[in-house]
C-alpha atoms as a PDB file:
ATOM      1  CA  MET A   1      71.567  92.541  84.283  1.00  0.00           C
ATOM      2  CA  LYS A   2      74.220  92.507  87.039  1.00  0.00           C
ATOM      3  CA  ALA A   3      72.783  95.684  88.540  1.00  0.00           C
ATOM      4  CA  ALA A   4      69.304  94.154  88.657  1.00  0.00           C
ATOM      5  CA  ALA A   5      70.670  91.044  90.376  1.00  0.00           C
ATOM      6  CA  ALA A   6      72.488  93.202  92.935  1.00  0.00           C
ATOM      7  CA  VAL A   7      69.275  95.112  93.676  1.00  0.00           C
ATOM      8  CA  LEU A   8      67.375  91.837  94.164  1.00  0.00           C
ATOM      9  CA  VAL A   9      70.038  90.530  96.552  1.00  0.00           C
ATOM     10  CA  PHE A  10      69.948  93.780  98.511  1.00  0.00           C
ATOM     11  CA  LEU A  11      66.144  93.743  98.723  1.00  0.00           C
ATOM     12  CA  ALA A  12      66.104  90.072  99.723  1.00  0.00           C
ATOM     13  CA  CYS A  13      68.416  90.534 102.677  1.00  0.00           C
ATOM     14  CA  GLY A  14      67.050  93.865 103.896  1.00  0.00           C
ATOM     15  CA  THR A  15      68.887  95.760 106.600  1.00  0.00           C
ATOM     16  CA  ALA A  16      71.225  92.856 107.397  1.00  0.00           C
ATOM     17  CA  CYS A  17      73.106  93.595 104.167  1.00  0.00           C
ATOM     18  CA  GLU A  18      73.317  97.350 104.547  1.00  0.00           C
ATOM     19  CA  ALA A  19      76.796  98.534 103.725  1.00  0.00           C
ATOM     20  CA  ARG A  20      78.706 100.188 106.528  1.00  0.00           C
ATOM     21  CA  PRO A  21      80.692 103.279 105.597  1.00  0.00           C
ATOM     22  CA  VAL A  22      84.447 102.673 105.502  1.00  0.00           C
ATOM     23  CA  ASP A  23      86.344 104.378 108.304  1.00  0.00           C
ATOM     24  CA  PRO A  24      88.915 106.803 106.800  1.00  0.00           C
ATOM     25  CA  ALA A  25      91.368 105.674 109.500  1.00  0.00           C
ATOM     26  CA  LEU A  26      91.236 102.176 107.958  1.00  0.00           C
ATOM     27  CA  ASP A  27      92.386 103.577 104.620  1.00  0.00           C
ATOM     28  CA  GLN A  28      95.264 105.279 106.430  1.00  0.00           C
ATOM     29  CA  ALA A  29      96.190 102.026 108.201  1.00  0.00           C
ATOM     30  CA  VAL A  30      96.392 100.187 104.871  1.00  0.00           C
ATOM     31  CA  LYS A  31      98.496 102.970 103.341  1.00  0.00           C
ATOM     32  CA  ALA A  32     100.820 102.887 106.361  1.00  0.00           C
ATOM     33  CA  ILE A  33     101.458  99.177 105.846  1.00  0.00           C
ATOM     34  CA  TYR A  34     102.746  99.646 102.314  1.00  0.00           C
ATOM     35  CA  ALA A  35     104.236 103.173 102.412  1.00  0.00           C
ATOM     36  CA  PRO A  36     107.765 102.077 103.474  1.00  0.00           C
ATOM     37  CA  TYR A  37     108.159  99.911 100.371  1.00  0.00           C
ATOM     38  CA  ALA A  38     107.920 102.930  98.075  1.00  0.00           C
ATOM     39  CA  ILE A  39     110.663 104.865  99.867  1.00  0.00           C
ATOM     40  CA  THR A  40     114.158 104.740  98.437  1.00  0.00           C
ATOM     41  CA  SER A  41     116.699 104.927 101.203  1.00  0.00           C
ATOM     42  CA  ALA A  42     119.823 106.973 100.489  1.00  0.00           C
ATOM     43  CA  ASP A  43     121.975 104.388 102.253  1.00  0.00           C
ATOM     44  CA  GLY A  44     120.267 101.357 100.667  1.00  0.00           C
ATOM     45  CA  THR A  45     118.676 100.117 103.876  1.00  0.00           C
ATOM     46  CA  TYR A  46     115.292  98.465 104.020  1.00  0.00           C
ATOM     47  CA  PRO A  47     112.446  99.316 106.376  1.00  0.00           C
ATOM     48  CA  PRO A  48     112.026  97.188 109.506  1.00  0.00           C
ATOM     49  CA  THR A  49     110.962  93.621 108.829  1.00  0.00           C
ATOM     50  CA  ALA A  50     107.263  92.887 108.644  1.00  0.00           C
ATOM     51  CA  TRP A  51     107.240  91.371 112.122  1.00  0.00           C
ATOM     52  CA  GLU A  52     109.084  94.318 113.712  1.00  0.00           C
ATOM     53  CA  ARG A  53     106.445  96.849 112.732  1.00  0.00           C
ATOM     54  CA  PRO A  54     103.661  97.854 115.168  1.00  0.00           C
ATOM     55  CA  LEU A  55     100.830  96.974 112.791  1.00  0.00           C
ATOM     56  CA  TYR A  56      99.293  93.912 114.333  1.00  0.00           C
ATOM     57  CA  SER A  57      96.431  93.054 116.647  1.00  0.00           C
ATOM     58  CA  LYS A  58      97.200  91.879 120.155  1.00  0.00           C
ATOM     59  CA  ASP A  59      96.613  88.250 119.095  1.00  0.00           C
ATOM     60  CA  VAL A  60      99.081  88.455 116.216  1.00  0.00           C
ATOM     61  CA  THR A  61     101.593  90.429 118.302  1.00  0.00           C
ATOM     62  CA  ALA A  62     101.537  87.664 120.929  1.00  0.00           C
ATOM     63  CA  LEU A  63     102.158  85.018 118.252  1.00  0.00           C
ATOM     64  CA  ILE A  64     105.024  87.073 116.796  1.00  0.00           C
ATOM     65  CA  SER A  65     106.595  87.406 120.253  1.00  0.00           C
ATOM     66  CA  ARG A  66     106.372  83.654 120.795  1.00  0.00           C
ATOM     67  CA  TRP A  67     107.841  82.986 117.333  1.00  0.00           C
ATOM     68  CA  GLU A  68     110.721  85.413 117.904  1.00  0.00           C
ATOM     69  CA  ALA A  69     111.539  83.590 121.142  1.00  0.00           C
ATOM     70  CA  VAL A  70     111.996  80.262 119.327  1.00  0.00           C
ATOM     71  CA  MET A  71     113.252  81.535 115.942  1.00  0.00           C
ATOM     72  CA  PRO A  72     116.603  79.980 114.956  1.00  0.00           C
ATOM     73  CA  GLU A  73     119.429  82.486 115.315  1.00  0.00           C
ATOM     74  CA  ASP A  74     121.678  81.325 112.479  1.00  0.00           C
ATOM     75  CA  ASP A  75     119.165  79.842 110.069  1.00  0.00           C
ATOM     76  CA  VAL A  76     116.009  80.767 108.213  1.00  0.00           C
ATOM     77  CA  ASP A  77     112.664  79.236 108.991  1.00  0.00           C
ATOM     78  CA  ASP A  78     109.365  79.283 107.142  1.00  0.00           C
ATOM     79  CA  LEU A  79     108.639  82.924 107.991  1.00  0.00           C
ATOM     80  CA  ASN A  80     111.888  84.861 108.306  1.00  0.00           C
ATOM     81  CA  ASP A  81     113.147  84.341 104.763  1.00  0.00           C
ATOM     82  CA  GLY A  82     110.936  86.978 103.182  1.00  0.00           C
ATOM     83  CA  ASP A  83     108.631  89.884 103.867  1.00  0.00           C
ATOM     84  CA  TRP A  84     105.060  88.864 104.646  1.00  0.00           C
ATOM     85  CA  LEU A  85     103.451  92.148 103.749  1.00  0.00           C
ATOM     86  CA  CYS A  86     104.888  92.578 100.252  1.00  0.00           C
ATOM     87  CA  MET A  87     105.006  88.776  99.832  1.00  0.00           C
ATOM     88  CA  CYS A  88     108.558  89.092  98.544  1.00  0.00           C
ATOM     89  CA  GLN A  89     112.226  88.950  99.444  1.00  0.00           C
ATOM     90  CA  ASP A  90     113.112  92.076  97.506  1.00  0.00           C
ATOM     91  CA  TRP A  91     111.312  94.903  95.712  1.00  0.00           C
ATOM     92  CA  ASP A  92     111.996  97.980  93.633  1.00  0.00           C
ATOM     93  CA  SER A  93     110.920 101.017  95.643  1.00  0.00           C
ATOM     94  CA  ARG A  94     110.810 103.142  92.466  1.00  0.00           C
ATOM     95  CA  VAL A  95     107.936 101.117  91.024  1.00  0.00           C
ATOM     96  CA  PHE A  96     106.437  99.460  94.121  1.00  0.00           C
ATOM     97  CA  LYS A  97     102.697  99.928  94.287  1.00  0.00           C
ATOM     98  CA  ALA A  98      99.900  98.649  96.514  1.00  0.00           C
ATOM     99  CA  ASP A  99      96.337  99.079  95.306  1.00  0.00           C
ATOM    100  CA  VAL A 100      93.250  98.468  97.383  1.00  0.00           C
ATOM    101  CA  LEU A 101      90.908  96.325  95.301  1.00  0.00           C
ATOM    102  CA  SER A 102      88.062  96.243  97.808  1.00  0.00           C
ATOM    103  CA  THR A 103      87.207  97.256 101.345  1.00  0.00           C
ATOM    104  CA  ALA A 104      84.312  96.006 103.412  1.00  0.00           C
ATOM    105  CA  MET A 105      83.370  96.745 106.981  1.00  0.00           C
ATOM    106  CA  THR A 106      82.526  93.326 108.424  1.00  0.00           C
ATOM    107  CA  GLY A 107      81.507  94.670 111.820  1.00  0.00           C
ATOM    108  CA  ALA A 108      81.665  97.846 113.855  1.00  0.00           C
ATOM    109  CA  ASP A 109      85.314  97.123 114.682  1.00  0.00           C
ATOM    110  CA  ALA A 110      86.248  94.725 111.880  1.00  0.00           C
ATOM    111  CA  ALA A 111      87.089  95.110 108.213  1.00  0.00           C
ATOM    112  CA  HIS A 112      88.261  93.066 105.242  1.00  0.00           C
ATOM    113  CA  VAL A 113      90.564  94.611 102.630  1.00  0.00           C
ATOM    114  CA  VAL A 114      91.844  93.041  99.420  1.00  0.00           C
ATOM    115  CA  VAL A 115      95.071  94.487  98.019  1.00  0.00           C
ATOM    116  CA  SER A 116      97.158  93.968  94.925  1.00  0.00           C
ATOM    117  CA  VAL A 117     100.870  94.511  95.410  1.00  0.00           C
ATOM    118  CA  ALA A 118     103.314  95.153  92.550  1.00  0.00           C
ATOM    119  CA  VAL A 119     106.896  94.732  93.747  1.00  0.00           C
ATOM    120  CA  PHE A 120     108.659  95.143  90.396  1.00  0.00           C
ATOM    121  CA  GLY A 121     106.095  97.010  88.328  1.00  0.00           C
ATOM    122  CA  THR A 122     104.033  94.404  86.492  1.00  0.00           C
ATOM    123  CA  GLU A 123     104.493  91.401  88.801  1.00  0.00           C
ATOM    124  CA  THR A 124     101.534  91.526  91.196  1.00  0.00           C
ATOM    125  CA  ARG A 125     100.487  89.537  94.231  1.00  0.00           C
ATOM    126  CA  LYS A 126      97.129  89.598  95.956  1.00  0.00           C
ATOM    127  CA  ALA A 127      96.491  89.543  99.702  1.00  0.00           C
ATOM    128  CA  GLU A 128      93.403  89.634 101.855  1.00  0.00           C
ATOM    129  CA  LEU A 129      93.794  91.596 105.066  1.00  0.00           C
ATOM    130  CA  ASP A 130      91.478  91.419 108.057  1.00  0.00           C
ATOM    131  CA  PHE A 131      91.625  94.326 110.453  1.00  0.00           C
ATOM    132  CA  ARG A 132      90.369  94.760 114.000  1.00  0.00           C
ATOM    133  CA  ARG A 133      89.990  98.074 115.756  1.00  0.00           C
ATOM    134  CA  GLU A 134      91.863  97.882 119.068  1.00  0.00           C
ATOM    135  CA  ASP A 135      92.343 100.786 121.445  1.00  0.00           C
ATOM    136  CA  GLY A 136      90.984 103.144 118.777  1.00  0.00           C
ATOM    137  CA  ALA A 137      93.410 102.052 116.018  1.00  0.00           C
ATOM    138  CA  TRP A 138      93.051  99.636 113.118  1.00  0.00           C
ATOM    139  CA  LYS A 139      95.374  96.656 113.545  1.00  0.00           C
ATOM    140  CA  LEU A 140      96.112  93.848 111.114  1.00  0.00           C
ATOM    141  CA  ASP A 141      94.541  90.713 112.589  1.00  0.00           C
ATOM    142  CA  GLU A 142      94.933  88.241 109.728  1.00  0.00           C
ATOM    143  CA  MET A 143      96.441  88.053 106.276  1.00  0.00           C
ATOM    144  CA  THR A 144      95.965  85.417 103.615  1.00  0.00           C
ATOM    145  CA  SER A 145      97.898  85.199 100.373  1.00  0.00           C
ATOM    146  CA  GLU A 146      99.277  82.613  97.983  1.00  0.00           C
ATOM    147  CA  GLN A 147     102.270  82.268 100.319  1.00  0.00           C
ATOM    148  CA  MET A 148     100.027  81.913 103.396  1.00  0.00           C
ATOM    149  CA  PRO A 149      96.775  80.381 102.140  1.00  0.00           C
ATOM    150  CA  ARG A 150      95.694  79.371 105.673  1.00  0.00           C
ATOM    151  CA  GLY A 151      96.590  82.786 107.070  1.00  0.00           C
ATOM    152  CA  LEU A 152      99.355  84.502 108.975  1.00  0.00           C
ATOM    153  CA  LYS A 153      98.170  83.271 112.368  1.00  0.00           C
ATOM    154  CA  GLN A 154      98.239  79.645 111.258  1.00  0.00           C
ATOM    155  CA  ALA A 155     101.626  80.148 109.562  1.00  0.00           C
ATOM    156  CA  LEU A 156     102.964  81.552 112.827  1.00  0.00           C
ATOM    157  CA  ARG A 157     101.550  78.639 114.855  1.00  0.00           C
ATOM    158  CA  GLU A 158     103.018  76.070 112.461  1.00  0.00           C
ATOM    159  CA  THR A 159     106.419  77.786 112.300  1.00  0.00           C
ATOM    160  CA  ILE A 160     106.559  78.098 116.089  1.00  0.00           C
ATOM    161  CA  ALA A 161     105.902  74.355 116.384  1.00  0.00           C
ATOM    162  CA  LYS A 162     108.622  73.526 113.813  1.00  0.00           C
ATOM    163  CA  ASP A 163     111.119  75.884 115.420  1.00  0.00           C
ATOM    164  CA  GLU A 164     110.429  74.453 118.880  1.00  0.00           C
ATOM    165  CA  ALA A 165     111.026  70.946 117.530  1.00  0.00           C
ATOM    166  CA  ARG A 166     114.490  71.844 116.198  1.00  0.00           C
END
């Protein structure tokens, strides 16, 4: 029954609903985001913080730069007390796992990816990642999760405003 409904939807919308093939470089970009969490460091160090990694679109990078300029030096704010990408403060690299639940090309240079992240084995978190191709590379342009239901960009804007008001 579900298959028949899917065929009817496809036929009803014609070529506008044709699926675009997923760019293999997008899969690699998603893997690169989560690969550091599964590496056990011999000296117990963590990978660079989420905001220090070169993963983001120009828009997000500009917001991060502005936020870093106003971030409190000796205190935590709404964004620097945990890792955005794993949606956690700590994780077990021996069991960390990120699974892609779905990938959809939303334009020639845009894609939407849903991931499930397990930081301690069975405890999972879900995130929706929007990517934009910039200068030939896939860059993370937005992320929504339970921790950031209105998105990373909005969380950055709100945190910048709070930090500036301190």
